[in-house]
Amino acid sequence: MKFLLDENISTSLYLYLKSRGFDVKRVGTDIQSGITDIYVLNISIKEKRIIITRDCGDIGEIIYKKHLLPVGVICLKGNIRGKIEVDAFKSIIQNIKNVKQKFIIVSMRNKKFELRIKDL
């Protein structure tokens, strides 16, 4: 799987994915920081990368209004930050067989991850 991390995702998850052999790029590290969400979506589509972001509403709105179809989107909400992002990613991979063509929203309540999944 190939991933594109938005700049609002920590380097902890970026380094974890790299260490596990995933093909990963991060806005602000491998790609110029400050790019628009539409540009992030276009990179994702062109390079067939799953987006990991916190901009759930913005990305979702663009996908549905502009009919842009990325490979997949994982949105990390609220207090899922830093090293907890790595645990959230592990939870997703353990609980979902195929993250492609999915819009996955991950939140955390009572130290448990909750996943909401929509087909793209």
PDB file of N, CA and C in Angstrom:
ATOM      1  N   MET A   1       0.840  -1.183   0.000  1.00  0.00           N
ATOM      2  CA  MET A   1       0.000   0.000   0.000  1.00  0.00           C
ATOM      3  C   MET A   1       0.878   1.236   0.000  1.00  0.00           C
ATOM      4  N   LYS A   2       0.370   2.246  -0.664  1.00  0.00           N
ATOM      5  CA  LYS A   2       1.060   3.529  -0.730  1.00  0.00           C
ATOM      6  C   LYS A   2       0.220   4.560   0.016  1.00  0.00           C
ATOM      7  N   PHE A   3       0.892   5.410   0.800  1.00  0.00           N
ATOM      8  CA  PHE A   3       0.192   6.388   1.617  1.00  0.00           C
ATOM      9  C   PHE A   3       0.711   7.797   1.347  1.00  0.00           C
ATOM     10  N   LEU A   4      -0.199   8.762   1.534  1.00  0.00           N
ATOM     11  CA  LEU A   4       0.128  10.180   1.483  1.00  0.00           C
ATOM     12  C   LEU A   4      -0.369  10.794   2.779  1.00  0.00           C
ATOM     13  N   LEU A   5       0.550  11.206   3.626  1.00  0.00           N
ATOM     14  CA  LEU A   5       0.193  11.821   4.900  1.00  0.00           C
ATOM     15  C   LEU A   5       0.116  13.325   4.740  1.00  0.00           C
ATOM     16  N   ASP A   6      -0.988  13.885   5.188  1.00  0.00           N
ATOM     17  CA  ASP A   6      -1.144  15.329   5.192  1.00  0.00           C
ATOM     18  C   ASP A   6      -0.167  15.898   6.222  1.00  0.00           C
ATOM     19  N   GLU A   7       0.117  17.186   6.122  1.00  0.00           N
ATOM     20  CA  GLU A   7       1.097  17.770   7.045  1.00  0.00           C
ATOM     21  C   GLU A   7       0.584  17.849   8.474  1.00  0.00           C
ATOM     22  N   ASN A   8      -0.715  17.620   8.690  1.00  0.00           N
ATOM     23  CA  ASN A   8      -1.254  17.628  10.044  1.00  0.00           C
ATOM     24  C   ASN A   8      -1.130  16.265  10.731  1.00  0.00           C
ATOM     25  N   ILE A   9      -0.479  15.325  10.072  1.00  0.00           N
ATOM     26  CA  ILE A   9      -0.200  14.006  10.645  1.00  0.00           C
ATOM     27  C   ILE A   9       1.258  13.994  11.120  1.00  0.00           C
ATOM     28  N   SER A  10       1.481  13.412  12.275  1.00  0.00           N
ATOM     29  CA  SER A  10       2.801  13.483  12.904  1.00  0.00           C
ATOM     30  C   SER A  10       3.868  12.702  12.154  1.00  0.00           C
ATOM     31  N   THR A  11       5.101  13.067  12.422  1.00  0.00           N
ATOM     32  CA  THR A  11       6.211  12.312  11.850  1.00  0.00           C
ATOM     33  C   THR A  11       6.328  10.934  12.507  1.00  0.00           C
ATOM     34  N   SER A  12       5.709  10.736  13.680  1.00  0.00           N
ATOM     35  CA  SER A  12       5.724   9.412  14.323  1.00  0.00           C
ATOM     36  C   SER A  12       5.106   8.370  13.401  1.00  0.00           C
ATOM     37  N   LEU A  13       3.951   8.669  12.838  1.00  0.00           N
ATOM     38  CA  LEU A  13       3.301   7.723  11.936  1.00  0.00           C
ATOM     39  C   LEU A  13       4.096   7.590  10.640  1.00  0.00           C
ATOM     40  N   TYR A  14       4.602   8.694  10.153  1.00  0.00           N
ATOM     41  CA  TYR A  14       5.426   8.685   8.936  1.00  0.00           C
ATOM     42  C   TYR A  14       6.622   7.743   9.102  1.00  0.00           C
ATOM     43  N   LEU A  15       7.347   7.886  10.207  1.00  0.00           N
ATOM     44  CA  LEU A  15       8.532   7.054  10.457  1.00  0.00           C
ATOM     45  C   LEU A  15       8.152   5.596  10.686  1.00  0.00           C
ATOM     46  N   TYR A  16       7.026   5.364  11.351  1.00  0.00           N
ATOM     47  CA  TYR A  16       6.560   3.998  11.570  1.00  0.00           C
ATOM     48  C   TYR A  16       6.273   3.320  10.230  1.00  0.00           C
ATOM     49  N   LEU A  17       5.530   3.991   9.366  1.00  0.00           N
ATOM     50  CA  LEU A  17       5.185   3.414   8.069  1.00  0.00           C
ATOM     51  C   LEU A  17       6.432   3.133   7.244  1.00  0.00           C
ATOM     52  N   LYS A  18       7.368   4.074   7.244  1.00  0.00           N
ATOM     53  CA  LYS A  18       8.630   3.874   6.520  1.00  0.00           C
ATOM     54  C   LYS A  18       9.375   2.659   7.063  1.00  0.00           C
ATOM     55  N   SER A  19       9.418   2.519   8.394  1.00  0.00           N
ATOM     56  CA  SER A  19      10.153   1.408   9.011  1.00  0.00           C
ATOM     57  C   SER A  19       9.521   0.053   8.701  1.00  0.00           C
ATOM     58  N   ARG A  20       8.244   0.063   8.349  1.00  0.00           N
ATOM     59  CA  ARG A  20       7.530  -1.168   8.006  1.00  0.00           C
ATOM     60  C   ARG A  20       7.542  -1.443   6.505  1.00  0.00           C
ATOM     61  N   GLY A  21       8.277  -0.607   5.761  1.00  0.00           N
ATOM     62  CA  GLY A  21       8.438  -0.845   4.330  1.00  0.00           C
ATOM     63  C   GLY A  21       7.338  -0.298   3.442  1.00  0.00           C
ATOM     64  N   PHE A  22       6.434   0.512   4.005  1.00  0.00           N
ATOM     65  CA  PHE A  22       5.384   1.108   3.188  1.00  0.00           C
ATOM     66  C   PHE A  22       5.967   2.226   2.330  1.00  0.00           C
ATOM     67  N   ASP A  23       5.395   2.422   1.175  1.00  0.00           N
ATOM     68  CA  ASP A  23       5.731   3.537   0.305  1.00  0.00           C
ATOM     69  C   ASP A  23       4.911   4.718   0.809  1.00  0.00           C
ATOM     70  N   VAL A  24       5.567   5.668   1.457  1.00  0.00           N
ATOM     71  CA  VAL A  24       4.855   6.766   2.111  1.00  0.00           C
ATOM     72  C   VAL A  24       5.511   8.100   1.786  1.00  0.00           C
ATOM     73  N   LYS A  25       4.660   9.103   1.566  1.00  0.00           N
ATOM     74  CA  LYS A  25       5.105  10.479   1.420  1.00  0.00           C
ATOM     75  C   LYS A  25       4.310  11.327   2.401  1.00  0.00           C
ATOM     76  N   ARG A  26       4.934  12.403   2.873  1.00  0.00           N
ATOM     77  CA  ARG A  26       4.273  13.303   3.824  1.00  0.00           C
ATOM     78  C   ARG A  26       4.415  14.738   3.340  1.00  0.00           C
ATOM     79  N   VAL A  27       3.284  15.438   3.341  1.00  0.00           N
ATOM     80  CA  VAL A  27       3.304  16.863   3.022  1.00  0.00           C
ATOM     81  C   VAL A  27       4.093  17.556   4.138  1.00  0.00           C
ATOM     82  N   GLY A  28       5.031  18.388   3.755  1.00  0.00           N
ATOM     83  CA  GLY A  28       5.876  19.072   4.723  1.00  0.00           C
ATOM     84  C   GLY A  28       7.210  18.366   4.934  1.00  0.00           C
ATOM     85  N   THR A  29       7.308  17.120   4.465  1.00  0.00           N
ATOM     86  CA  THR A  29       8.554  16.368   4.546  1.00  0.00           C
ATOM     87  C   THR A  29       9.049  16.037   3.143  1.00  0.00           C
ATOM     88  N   ASP A  30       8.229  15.327   2.374  1.00  0.00           N
ATOM     89  CA  ASP A  30       8.591  14.923   1.012  1.00  0.00           C
ATOM     90  C   ASP A  30       7.958  15.825  -0.050  1.00  0.00           C
ATOM     91  N   ILE A  31       6.925  16.525   0.349  1.00  0.00           N
ATOM     92  CA  ILE A  31       6.172  17.409  -0.547  1.00  0.00           C
ATOM     93  C   ILE A  31       6.079  18.764   0.134  1.00  0.00           C
ATOM     94  N   GLN A  32       6.125  19.808  -0.657  1.00  0.00           N
ATOM     95  CA  GLN A  32       6.076  21.182  -0.147  1.00  0.00           C
ATOM     96  C   GLN A  32       4.910  21.375   0.822  1.00  0.00           C
ATOM     97  N   SER A  33       5.175  21.991   1.964  1.00  0.00           N
ATOM     98  CA  SER A  33       4.110  22.267   2.930  1.00  0.00           C
ATOM     99  C   SER A  33       3.220  23.406   2.436  1.00  0.00           C
ATOM    100  N   GLY A  34       2.023  23.472   3.003  1.00  0.00           N
ATOM    101  CA  GLY A  34       1.101  24.548   2.676  1.00  0.00           C
ATOM    102  C   GLY A  34       0.272  24.327   1.430  1.00  0.00           C
ATOM    103  N   ILE A  35       0.313  23.126   0.854  1.00  0.00           N
ATOM    104  CA  ILE A  35      -0.479  22.890  -0.350  1.00  0.00           C
ATOM    105  C   ILE A  35      -1.953  22.728   0.030  1.00  0.00           C
ATOM    106  N   THR A  36      -2.833  22.954  -0.928  1.00  0.00           N
ATOM    107  CA  THR A  36      -4.271  22.883  -0.678  1.00  0.00           C
ATOM    108  C   THR A  36      -4.737  21.429  -0.593  1.00  0.00           C
ATOM    109  N   ASP A  37      -5.930  21.246  -0.026  1.00  0.00           N
ATOM    110  CA  ASP A  37      -6.511  19.907   0.058  1.00  0.00           C
ATOM    111  C   ASP A  37      -6.788  19.336  -1.338  1.00  0.00           C
ATOM    112  N   ILE A  38      -7.149  20.177  -2.281  1.00  0.00           N
ATOM    113  CA  ILE A  38      -7.371  19.709  -3.657  1.00  0.00           C
ATOM    114  C   ILE A  38      -6.065  19.185  -4.237  1.00  0.00           C
ATOM    115  N   TYR A  39      -4.976  19.861  -3.964  1.00  0.00           N
ATOM    116  CA  TYR A  39      -3.674  19.405  -4.446  1.00  0.00           C
ATOM    117  C   TYR A  39      -3.304  18.068  -3.805  1.00  0.00           C
ATOM    118  N   VAL A  40      -3.595  17.912  -2.503  1.00  0.00           N
ATOM    119  CA  VAL A  40      -3.351  16.646  -1.810  1.00  0.00           C
ATOM    120  C   VAL A  40      -4.149  15.539  -2.491  1.00  0.00           C
ATOM    121  N   LEU A  41      -5.422  15.807  -2.773  1.00  0.00           N
ATOM    122  CA  LEU A  41      -6.255  14.814  -3.451  1.00  0.00           C
ATOM    123  C   LEU A  41      -5.703  14.465  -4.828  1.00  0.00           C
ATOM    124  N   ASN A  42      -5.276  15.463  -5.566  1.00  0.00           N
ATOM    125  CA  ASN A  42      -4.736  15.202  -6.904  1.00  0.00           C
ATOM    126  C   ASN A  42      -3.465  14.353  -6.863  1.00  0.00           C
ATOM    127  N   ILE A  43      -2.594  14.610  -5.889  1.00  0.00           N
ATOM    128  CA  ILE A  43      -1.394  13.777  -5.735  1.00  0.00           C
ATOM    129  C   ILE A  43      -1.811  12.344  -5.412  1.00  0.00           C
ATOM    130  N   SER A  44      -2.762  12.208  -4.508  1.00  0.00           N
ATOM    131  CA  SER A  44      -3.248  10.883  -4.125  1.00  0.00           C
ATOM    132  C   SER A  44      -3.774  10.113  -5.338  1.00  0.00           C
ATOM    133  N   ILE A  45      -4.548  10.768  -6.157  1.00  0.00           N
ATOM    134  CA  ILE A  45      -5.129  10.126  -7.338  1.00  0.00           C
ATOM    135  C   ILE A  45      -4.044   9.771  -8.348  1.00  0.00           C
ATOM    136  N   LYS A  46      -3.175  10.730  -8.629  1.00  0.00           N
ATOM    137  CA  LYS A  46      -2.116  10.519  -9.622  1.00  0.00           C
ATOM    138  C   LYS A  46      -1.170   9.383  -9.206  1.00  0.00           C
ATOM    139  N   GLU A  47      -0.798   9.346  -7.931  1.00  0.00           N
ATOM    140  CA  GLU A  47       0.182   8.370  -7.449  1.00  0.00           C
ATOM    141  C   GLU A  47      -0.457   7.142  -6.793  1.00  0.00           C
ATOM    142  N   LYS A  48      -1.793   7.095  -6.808  1.00  0.00           N
ATOM    143  CA  LYS A  48      -2.540   5.958  -6.223  1.00  0.00           C
ATOM    144  C   LYS A  48      -2.155   5.721  -4.753  1.00  0.00           C
ATOM    145  N   ARG A  49      -2.269   6.799  -3.961  1.00  0.00           N
ATOM    146  CA  ARG A  49      -1.922   6.749  -2.541  1.00  0.00           C
ATOM    147  C   ARG A  49      -3.167   6.953  -1.674  1.00  0.00           C
ATOM    148  N   ILE A  50      -3.220   6.247  -0.567  1.00  0.00           N
ATOM    149  CA  ILE A  50      -4.276   6.424   0.423  1.00  0.00           C
ATOM    150  C   ILE A  50      -3.899   7.635   1.273  1.00  0.00           C
ATOM    151  N   ILE A  51      -4.823   8.563   1.414  1.00  0.00           N
ATOM    152  CA  ILE A  51      -4.581   9.782   2.191  1.00  0.00           C
ATOM    153  C   ILE A  51      -4.825   9.500   3.672  1.00  0.00           C
ATOM    154  N   ILE A  52      -3.926   9.998   4.517  1.00  0.00           N
ATOM    155  CA  ILE A  52      -4.153  10.002   5.962  1.00  0.00           C
ATOM    156  C   ILE A  52      -4.109  11.466   6.388  1.00  0.00           C
ATOM    157  N   THR A  53      -5.194  11.934   7.012  1.00  0.00           N
ATOM    158  CA  THR A  53      -5.352  13.359   7.305  1.00  0.00           C
ATOM    159  C   THR A  53      -6.195  13.572   8.551  1.00  0.00           C
ATOM    160  N   ARG A  54      -6.296  14.809   8.970  1.00  0.00           N
ATOM    161  CA  ARG A  54      -7.228  15.243  10.011  1.00  0.00           C
ATOM    162  C   ARG A  54      -8.352  16.077   9.397  1.00  0.00           C
ATOM    163  N   ASP A  55      -8.194  16.467   8.150  1.00  0.00           N
ATOM    164  CA  ASP A  55      -9.158  17.350   7.467  1.00  0.00           C
ATOM    165  C   ASP A  55     -10.333  16.557   6.909  1.00  0.00           C
ATOM    166  N   CYS A  56     -11.025  15.840   7.776  1.00  0.00           N
ATOM    167  CA  CYS A  56     -12.110  14.948   7.337  1.00  0.00           C
ATOM    168  C   CYS A  56     -13.188  15.698   6.560  1.00  0.00           C
ATOM    169  N   GLY A  57     -13.684  16.768   7.132  1.00  0.00           N
ATOM    170  CA  GLY A  57     -14.766  17.517   6.489  1.00  0.00           C
ATOM    171  C   GLY A  57     -14.342  18.140   5.186  1.00  0.00           C
ATOM    172  N   ASP A  58     -13.186  18.793   5.182  1.00  0.00           N
ATOM    173  CA  ASP A  58     -12.713  19.467   3.972  1.00  0.00           C
ATOM    174  C   ASP A  58     -12.461  18.480   2.844  1.00  0.00           C
ATOM    175  N   ILE A  59     -11.739  17.406   3.142  1.00  0.00           N
ATOM    176  CA  ILE A  59     -11.430  16.396   2.127  1.00  0.00           C
ATOM    177  C   ILE A  59     -12.722  15.736   1.636  1.00  0.00           C
ATOM    178  N   GLY A  60     -13.594  15.376   2.558  1.00  0.00           N
ATOM    179  CA  GLY A  60     -14.861  14.743   2.192  1.00  0.00           C
ATOM    180  C   GLY A  60     -15.704  15.619   1.292  1.00  0.00           C
ATOM    181  N   GLU A  61     -15.774  16.883   1.626  1.00  0.00           N
ATOM    182  CA  GLU A  61     -16.566  17.832   0.819  1.00  0.00           C
ATOM    183  C   GLU A  61     -16.004  17.934  -0.603  1.00  0.00           C
ATOM    184  N   ILE A  62     -14.696  18.021  -0.715  1.00  0.00           N
ATOM    185  CA  ILE A  62     -14.075  18.126  -2.039  1.00  0.00           C
ATOM    186  C   ILE A  62     -14.330  16.855  -2.851  1.00  0.00           C
ATOM    187  N   ILE A  63     -14.194  15.702  -2.210  1.00  0.00           N
ATOM    188  CA  ILE A  63     -14.403  14.429  -2.906  1.00  0.00           C
ATOM    189  C   ILE A  63     -15.804  14.387  -3.511  1.00  0.00           C
ATOM    190  N   TYR A  64     -16.799  14.741  -2.714  1.00  0.00           N
ATOM    191  CA  TYR A  64     -18.175  14.594  -3.169  1.00  0.00           C
ATOM    192  C   TYR A  64     -18.633  15.740  -4.074  1.00  0.00           C
ATOM    193  N   LYS A  65     -18.146  16.945  -3.846  1.00  0.00           N
ATOM    194  CA  LYS A  65     -18.543  18.070  -4.702  1.00  0.00           C
ATOM    195  C   LYS A  65     -17.825  18.055  -6.039  1.00  0.00           C
ATOM    196  N   LYS A  66     -16.548  17.705  -6.024  1.00  0.00           N
ATOM    197  CA  LYS A  66     -15.746  17.744  -7.249  1.00  0.00           C
ATOM    198  C   LYS A  66     -15.648  16.371  -7.914  1.00  0.00           C
ATOM    199  N   HIS A  67     -16.231  15.363  -7.280  1.00  0.00           N
ATOM    200  CA  HIS A  67     -16.215  13.988  -7.813  1.00  0.00           C
ATOM    201  C   HIS A  67     -14.791  13.487  -8.061  1.00  0.00           C
ATOM    202  N   LEU A  68     -13.902  13.814  -7.132  1.00  0.00           N
ATOM    203  CA  LEU A  68     -12.543  13.296  -7.177  1.00  0.00           C
ATOM    204  C   LEU A  68     -12.518  11.998  -6.379  1.00  0.00           C
ATOM    205  N   LEU A  69     -11.913  10.967  -6.913  1.00  0.00           N
ATOM    206  CA  LEU A  69     -11.948   9.675  -6.252  1.00  0.00           C
ATOM    207  C   LEU A  69     -10.543   9.184  -5.914  1.00  0.00           C
ATOM    208  N   PRO A  70     -10.096   9.450  -4.681  1.00  0.00           N
ATOM    209  CA  PRO A  70      -8.783   8.940  -4.270  1.00  0.00           C
ATOM    210  C   PRO A  70      -8.858   7.435  -4.031  1.00  0.00           C
ATOM    211  N   VAL A  71      -7.711   6.808  -3.864  1.00  0.00           N
ATOM    212  CA  VAL A  71      -7.643   5.373  -3.586  1.00  0.00           C
ATOM    213  C   VAL A  71      -8.356   5.067  -2.270  1.00  0.00           C
ATOM    214  N   GLY A  72      -8.214   5.948  -1.314  1.00  0.00           N
ATOM    215  CA  GLY A  72      -8.847   5.793  -0.010  1.00  0.00           C
ATOM    216  C   GLY A  72      -8.469   6.949   0.890  1.00  0.00           C
ATOM    217  N   VAL A  73      -9.229   7.122   1.971  1.00  0.00           N
ATOM    218  CA  VAL A  73      -8.960   8.209   2.921  1.00  0.00           C
ATOM    219  C   VAL A  73      -9.106   7.659   4.333  1.00  0.00           C
ATOM    220  N   ILE A  74      -8.115   7.968   5.161  1.00  0.00           N
ATOM    221  CA  ILE A  74      -8.187   7.665   6.587  1.00  0.00           C
ATOM    222  C   ILE A  74      -8.109   8.999   7.324  1.00  0.00           C
ATOM    223  N   CYS A  75      -9.170   9.308   8.089  1.00  0.00           N
ATOM    224  CA  CYS A  75      -9.216  10.559   8.853  1.00  0.00           C
ATOM    225  C   CYS A  75      -9.067  10.259  10.335  1.00  0.00           C
ATOM    226  N   LEU A  76      -8.090  10.889  10.947  1.00  0.00           N
ATOM    227  CA  LEU A  76      -7.854  10.727  12.377  1.00  0.00           C
ATOM    228  C   LEU A  76      -8.442  11.929  13.100  1.00  0.00           C
ATOM    229  N   LYS A  77      -9.360  11.689  14.015  1.00  0.00           N
ATOM    230  CA  LYS A  77     -10.085  12.763  14.692  1.00  0.00           C
ATOM    231  C   LYS A  77      -9.565  13.010  16.101  1.00  0.00           C
ATOM    232  N   GLY A  78      -9.859  14.205  16.575  1.00  0.00           N
ATOM    233  CA  GLY A  78      -9.689  14.572  17.975  1.00  0.00           C
ATOM    234  C   GLY A  78      -8.329  14.326  18.570  1.00  0.00           C
ATOM    235  N   ASN A  79      -8.324  13.522  19.634  1.00  0.00           N
ATOM    236  CA  ASN A  79      -7.110  13.347  20.432  1.00  0.00           C
ATOM    237  C   ASN A  79      -6.186  12.246  19.906  1.00  0.00           C
ATOM    238  N   ILE A  80      -6.367  11.811  18.690  1.00  0.00           N
ATOM    239  CA  ILE A  80      -5.456  10.825  18.097  1.00  0.00           C
ATOM    240  C   ILE A  80      -4.292  11.610  17.493  1.00  0.00           C
ATOM    241  N   ARG A  81      -3.257  11.743  18.275  1.00  0.00           N
ATOM    242  CA  ARG A  81      -2.108  12.552  17.870  1.00  0.00           C
ATOM    243  C   ARG A  81      -0.811  11.863  18.277  1.00  0.00           C
ATOM    244  N   GLY A  82       0.259  12.210  17.576  1.00  0.00           N
ATOM    245  CA  GLY A  82       1.580  11.691  17.921  1.00  0.00           C
ATOM    246  C   GLY A  82       1.644  10.173  17.829  1.00  0.00           C
ATOM    247  N   LYS A  83       2.190   9.564  18.862  1.00  0.00           N
ATOM    248  CA  LYS A  83       2.383   8.104  18.853  1.00  0.00           C
ATOM    249  C   LYS A  83       1.061   7.337  18.852  1.00  0.00           C
ATOM    250  N   ILE A  84      -0.026   7.968  19.288  1.00  0.00           N
ATOM    251  CA  ILE A  84      -1.338   7.306  19.255  1.00  0.00           C
ATOM    252  C   ILE A  84      -1.779   7.091  17.802  1.00  0.00           C
ATOM    253  N   GLU A  85      -1.290   7.910  16.882  1.00  0.00           N
ATOM    254  CA  GLU A  85      -1.597   7.711  15.462  1.00  0.00           C
ATOM    255  C   GLU A  85      -1.108   6.336  14.991  1.00  0.00           C
ATOM    256  N   VAL A  86       0.023   5.912  15.495  1.00  0.00           N
ATOM    257  CA  VAL A  86       0.567   4.597  15.129  1.00  0.00           C
ATOM    258  C   VAL A  86      -0.378   3.503  15.627  1.00  0.00           C
ATOM    259  N   ASP A  87      -0.854   3.608  16.865  1.00  0.00           N
ATOM    260  CA  ASP A  87      -1.796   2.626  17.407  1.00  0.00           C
ATOM    261  C   ASP A  87      -3.098   2.620  16.612  1.00  0.00           C
ATOM    262  N   ALA A  88      -3.556   3.795  16.215  1.00  0.00           N
ATOM    263  CA  ALA A  88      -4.777   3.889  15.402  1.00  0.00           C
ATOM    264  C   ALA A  88      -4.574   3.184  14.066  1.00  0.00           C
ATOM    265  N   PHE A  89      -3.431   3.400  13.444  1.00  0.00           N
ATOM    266  CA  PHE A  89      -3.141   2.746  12.161  1.00  0.00           C
ATOM    267  C   PHE A  89      -3.130   1.226  12.324  1.00  0.00           C
ATOM    268  N   LYS A  90      -2.489   0.742  13.371  1.00  0.00           N
ATOM    269  CA  LYS A  90      -2.443  -0.703  13.626  1.00  0.00           C
ATOM    270  C   LYS A  90      -3.856  -1.262  13.794  1.00  0.00           C
ATOM    271  N   SER A  91      -4.708  -0.522  14.500  1.00  0.00           N
ATOM    272  CA  SER A  91      -6.084  -0.947  14.714  1.00  0.00           C
ATOM    273  C   SER A  91      -6.845  -1.039  13.384  1.00  0.00           C
ATOM    274  N   ILE A  92      -6.634  -0.076  12.525  1.00  0.00           N
ATOM    275  CA  ILE A  92      -7.293  -0.078  11.211  1.00  0.00           C
ATOM    276  C   ILE A  92      -6.873  -1.306  10.419  1.00  0.00           C
ATOM    277  N   ILE A  93      -5.588  -1.536  10.337  1.00  0.00           N
ATOM    278  CA  ILE A  93      -5.064  -2.644   9.548  1.00  0.00           C
ATOM    279  C   ILE A  93      -5.537  -3.995  10.110  1.00  0.00           C
ATOM    280  N   GLN A  94      -5.664  -4.099  11.433  1.00  0.00           N
ATOM    281  CA  GLN A  94      -6.123  -5.348  12.051  1.00  0.00           C
ATOM    282  C   GLN A  94      -7.611  -5.584  11.840  1.00  0.00           C
ATOM    283  N   ASN A  95      -8.398  -4.508  11.733  1.00  0.00           N
ATOM    284  CA  ASN A  95      -9.851  -4.640  11.686  1.00  0.00           C
ATOM    285  C   ASN A  95     -10.483  -4.506  10.303  1.00  0.00           C
ATOM    286  N   ILE A  96      -9.735  -3.999   9.350  1.00  0.00           N
ATOM    287  CA  ILE A  96     -10.285  -3.805   8.010  1.00  0.00           C
ATOM    288  C   ILE A  96      -9.387  -4.518   7.010  1.00  0.00           C
ATOM    289  N   LYS A  97      -9.949  -5.439   6.270  1.00  0.00           N
ATOM    290  CA  LYS A  97      -9.157  -6.224   5.324  1.00  0.00           C
ATOM    291  C   LYS A  97      -8.660  -5.386   4.159  1.00  0.00           C
ATOM    292  N   ASN A  98      -9.496  -4.468   3.677  1.00  0.00           N
ATOM    293  CA  ASN A  98      -9.113  -3.667   2.525  1.00  0.00           C
ATOM    294  C   ASN A  98      -9.499  -2.207   2.769  1.00  0.00           C
ATOM    295  N   VAL A  99      -8.517  -1.340   2.874  1.00  0.00           N
ATOM    296  CA  VAL A  99      -8.798   0.074   3.118  1.00  0.00           C
ATOM    297  C   VAL A  99      -8.961   0.860   1.816  1.00  0.00           C
ATOM    298  N   LYS A 100      -8.727   0.200   0.703  1.00  0.00           N
ATOM    299  CA  LYS A 100      -8.887   0.890  -0.579  1.00  0.00           C
ATOM    300  C   LYS A 100     -10.365   1.114  -0.864  1.00  0.00           C
ATOM    301  N   GLN A 101     -10.643   2.234  -1.522  1.00  0.00           N
ATOM    302  CA  GLN A 101     -12.005   2.647  -1.874  1.00  0.00           C
ATOM    303  C   GLN A 101     -12.881   2.848  -0.640  1.00  0.00           C
ATOM    304  N   LYS A 102     -12.248   3.226   0.477  1.00  0.00           N
ATOM    305  CA  LYS A 102     -12.974   3.484   1.725  1.00  0.00           C
ATOM    306  C   LYS A 102     -12.641   4.883   2.238  1.00  0.00           C
ATOM    307  N   PHE A 103     -13.614   5.474   2.908  1.00  0.00           N
ATOM    308  CA  PHE A 103     -13.420   6.709   3.660  1.00  0.00           C
ATOM    309  C   PHE A 103     -13.600   6.295   5.115  1.00  0.00           C
ATOM    310  N   ILE A 104     -12.497   6.243   5.844  1.00  0.00           N
ATOM    311  CA  ILE A 104     -12.493   5.725   7.209  1.00  0.00           C
ATOM    312  C   ILE A 104     -12.246   6.874   8.183  1.00  0.00           C
ATOM    313  N   ILE A 105     -13.162   7.033   9.118  1.00  0.00           N
ATOM    314  CA  ILE A 105     -13.002   8.051  10.158  1.00  0.00           C
ATOM    315  C   ILE A 105     -12.710   7.325  11.461  1.00  0.00           C
ATOM    316  N   VAL A 106     -11.600   7.706  12.090  1.00  0.00           N
ATOM    317  CA  VAL A 106     -11.158   7.057  13.323  1.00  0.00           C
ATOM    318  C   VAL A 106     -11.245   8.063  14.468  1.00  0.00           C
ATOM    319  N   SER A 107     -11.980   7.695  15.501  1.00  0.00           N
ATOM    320  CA  SER A 107     -12.027   8.508  16.712  1.00  0.00           C
ATOM    321  C   SER A 107     -11.686   7.609  17.887  1.00  0.00           C
ATOM    322  N   MET A 108     -11.480   8.207  19.039  1.00  0.00           N
ATOM    323  CA  MET A 108     -11.106   7.423  20.216  1.00  0.00           C
ATOM    324  C   MET A 108     -11.981   7.849  21.388  1.00  0.00           C
ATOM    325  N   ARG A 109     -12.615   6.849  22.010  1.00  0.00           N
ATOM    326  CA  ARG A 109     -13.419   7.090  23.205  1.00  0.00           C
ATOM    327  C   ARG A 109     -13.051   6.038  24.231  1.00  0.00           C
ATOM    328  N   ASN A 110     -12.836   6.468  25.451  1.00  0.00           N
ATOM    329  CA  ASN A 110     -12.483   5.551  26.542  1.00  0.00           C
ATOM    330  C   ASN A 110     -11.308   4.644  26.166  1.00  0.00           C
ATOM    331  N   LYS A 111     -10.318   5.237  25.525  1.00  0.00           N
ATOM    332  CA  LYS A 111      -9.082   4.557  25.132  1.00  0.00           C
ATOM    333  C   LYS A 111      -9.313   3.427  24.130  1.00  0.00           C
ATOM    334  N   LYS A 112     -10.437   3.474  23.410  1.00  0.00           N
ATOM    335  CA  LYS A 112     -10.723   2.497  22.358  1.00  0.00           C
ATOM    336  C   LYS A 112     -10.979   3.242  21.058  1.00  0.00           C
ATOM    337  N   PHE A 113     -10.484   2.666  19.973  1.00  0.00           N
ATOM    338  CA  PHE A 113     -10.681   3.283  18.670  1.00  0.00           C
ATOM    339  C   PHE A 113     -12.039   2.888  18.107  1.00  0.00           C
ATOM    340  N   GLU A 114     -12.730   3.874  17.555  1.00  0.00           N
ATOM    341  CA  GLU A 114     -14.001   3.641  16.886  1.00  0.00           C
ATOM    342  C   GLU A 114     -13.803   3.971  15.410  1.00  0.00           C
ATOM    343  N   LEU A 115     -14.243   3.068  14.561  1.00  0.00           N
ATOM    344  CA  LEU A 115     -14.072   3.243  13.116  1.00  0.00           C
ATOM    345  C   LEU A 115     -15.429   3.413  12.462  1.00  0.00           C
ATOM    346  N   ARG A 116     -15.564   4.447  11.644  1.00  0.00           N
ATOM    347  CA  ARG A 116     -16.748   4.615  10.778  1.00  0.00           C
ATOM    348  C   ARG A 116     -16.254   4.488   9.358  1.00  0.00           C
ATOM    349  N   ILE A 117     -16.876   3.636   8.596  1.00  0.00           N
ATOM    350  CA  ILE A 117     -16.388   3.317   7.258  1.00  0.00           C
ATOM    351  C   ILE A 117     -17.483   3.563   6.228  1.00  0.00           C
ATOM    352  N   LYS A 118     -17.108   4.314   5.183  1.00  0.00           N
ATOM    353  CA  LYS A 118     -18.010   4.537   4.052  1.00  0.00           C
ATOM    354  C   LYS A 118     -17.274   4.130   2.792  1.00  0.00           C
ATOM    355  N   ASP A 119     -18.000   3.579   1.843  1.00  0.00           N
ATOM    356  CA  ASP A 119     -17.419   3.297   0.546  1.00  0.00           C
ATOM    357  C   ASP A 119     -17.286   4.589  -0.256  1.00  0.00           C
ATOM    358  N   LEU A 120     -16.213   4.704  -1.008  1.00  0.00           N
ATOM    359  CA  LEU A 120     -16.024   5.869  -1.878  1.00  0.00           C
ATOM    360  C   LEU A 120     -16.715   5.630  -3.209  1.00  0.00           C
TER     361      LEU A 120
END
